[in-house]
Structure formats: C-alpha cells, structure tokens
Amino acid sequence: MQTPLPSPIPGHVSPLVLADRLLALAQDADRAGMRRPARQLLRLACAICGEAPPVPAASA
C-alpha cells in the first residue's frame, strides 16, 4: 500500500515560483521608471536562487 504524498502547506510557495514573481515585478518596476525598487527586487530574487546579483553597467 502506498502512502499518499503530503499535501502542500497552505500558503507555502516554492522558491522558484517566488523568484519568478519577483523577477516579473522587477521588470514591471523597471518599465515604470522605478529603478531602485527594480534593483532591490532583482537582488531579492537572486538571493532566493543563491546567486550573486549582476553587477550594474557603468553609466556614461
């Protein structure tokens, strides 16, 4: 007899889904001209994935 898989914890979101939503929000913020919040969202998404955020390009 197989044991059923545990049901997902209510309110639990996988890190991959969370990172995807944060990246989408960062893109929306960037398109709206909100650069600082976009960078913060990008950093948070990278932290969830365990990666270092990209280094911003130098402004000329």
C-alpha atoms as a PDB file:
ATOM      1  CA  MET A   1       0.000   0.000   0.000  1.00  0.00           C
ATOM      2  CA  GLN A   2       1.325   3.408  -0.970  1.00  0.00           C
ATOM      3  CA  THR A   3       1.299   6.286   1.434  1.00  0.00           C
ATOM      4  CA  PRO A   4      -0.202   9.429  -0.046  1.00  0.00           C
ATOM      5  CA  LEU A   5       2.089  12.347  -0.630  1.00  0.00           C
ATOM      6  CA  PRO A   6       1.740  15.075   1.966  1.00  0.00           C
ATOM      7  CA  SER A   7      -0.443  17.913   0.830  1.00  0.00           C
ATOM      8  CA  PRO A   8       1.295  21.231   0.277  1.00  0.00           C
ATOM      9  CA  ILE A   9       1.447  23.503   3.270  1.00  0.00           C
ATOM     10  CA  PRO A  10      -1.228  26.195   2.901  1.00  0.00           C
ATOM     11  CA  GLY A  11       0.441  29.431   1.904  1.00  0.00           C
ATOM     12  CA  HIS A  12       3.713  27.689   1.000  1.00  0.00           C
ATOM     13  CA  VAL A  13       5.291  28.878  -2.253  1.00  0.00           C
ATOM     14  CA  SER A  14       8.296  27.213  -3.839  1.00  0.00           C
ATOM     15  CA  PRO A  15      11.448  29.342  -4.077  1.00  0.00           C
ATOM     16  CA  LEU A  16      11.388  29.032  -7.870  1.00  0.00           C
ATOM     17  CA  VAL A  17       7.851  30.420  -8.124  1.00  0.00           C
ATOM     18  CA  LEU A  18       8.696  33.202  -5.678  1.00  0.00           C
ATOM     19  CA  ALA A  19      11.837  34.155  -7.625  1.00  0.00           C
ATOM     20  CA  ASP A  20       9.845  34.169 -10.873  1.00  0.00           C
ATOM     21  CA  ARG A  21       7.235  36.531  -9.393  1.00  0.00           C
ATOM     22  CA  LEU A  22       9.947  38.812  -8.006  1.00  0.00           C
ATOM     23  CA  LEU A  23      11.630  38.987 -11.422  1.00  0.00           C
ATOM     24  CA  ALA A  24       8.305  39.838 -13.076  1.00  0.00           C
ATOM     25  CA  LEU A  25       7.733  42.590 -10.516  1.00  0.00           C
ATOM     26  CA  ALA A  26      11.274  43.891 -11.074  1.00  0.00           C
ATOM     27  CA  GLN A  27      10.610  44.096 -14.819  1.00  0.00           C
ATOM     28  CA  ASP A  28       7.350  45.955 -14.221  1.00  0.00           C
ATOM     29  CA  ALA A  29       9.057  48.355 -11.830  1.00  0.00           C
ATOM     30  CA  ASP A  30      11.856  48.968 -14.330  1.00  0.00           C
ATOM     31  CA  ARG A  31       9.364  49.679 -17.133  1.00  0.00           C
ATOM     32  CA  ALA A  32       7.578  52.129 -14.834  1.00  0.00           C
ATOM     33  CA  GLY A  33      10.838  54.001 -14.252  1.00  0.00           C
ATOM     34  CA  MET A  34      11.262  52.817 -10.670  1.00  0.00           C
ATOM     35  CA  ARG A  35      14.896  51.747 -10.960  1.00  0.00           C
ATOM     36  CA  ARG A  36      15.752  51.457  -7.277  1.00  0.00           C
ATOM     37  CA  PRO A  37      12.817  49.158  -6.357  1.00  0.00           C
ATOM     38  CA  ALA A  38      13.566  47.125  -9.506  1.00  0.00           C
ATOM     39  CA  ARG A  39      17.164  46.583  -8.358  1.00  0.00           C
ATOM     40  CA  GLN A  40      16.004  45.635  -4.870  1.00  0.00           C
ATOM     41  CA  LEU A  41      13.550  43.081  -6.268  1.00  0.00           C
ATOM     42  CA  LEU A  42      16.275  41.685  -8.531  1.00  0.00           C
ATOM     43  CA  ARG A  43      18.656  41.331  -5.575  1.00  0.00           C
ATOM     44  CA  LEU A  44      15.986  39.548  -3.576  1.00  0.00           C
ATOM     45  CA  ALA A  45      15.234  37.138  -6.437  1.00  0.00           C
ATOM     46  CA  CYS A  46      18.941  36.385  -6.801  1.00  0.00           C
ATOM     47  CA  ALA A  47      19.273  35.798  -3.054  1.00  0.00           C
ATOM     48  CA  ILE A  48      16.431  33.271  -3.185  1.00  0.00           C
ATOM     49  CA  CYS A  49      18.188  31.435  -6.033  1.00  0.00           C
ATOM     50  CA  GLY A  50      21.514  31.561  -4.200  1.00  0.00           C
ATOM     51  CA  GLU A  51      23.198  33.659  -6.881  1.00  0.00           C
ATOM     52  CA  ALA A  52      25.008  36.946  -6.730  1.00  0.00           C
ATOM     53  CA  PRO A  53      23.112  39.785  -8.416  1.00  0.00           C
ATOM     54  CA  PRO A  54      24.584  41.067 -11.689  1.00  0.00           C
ATOM     55  CA  VAL A  55      26.954  43.996 -11.487  1.00  0.00           C
ATOM     56  CA  PRO A  56      25.281  47.113 -12.928  1.00  0.00           C
ATOM     57  CA  ALA A  57      26.832  48.573 -16.064  1.00  0.00           C
ATOM     58  CA  ALA A  58      28.738  51.817 -15.632  1.00  0.00           C
ATOM     59  CA  SER A  59      26.722  54.853 -16.673  1.00  0.00           C
ATOM     60  CA  ALA A  60      28.370  57.094 -19.199  1.00  0.00           C
END
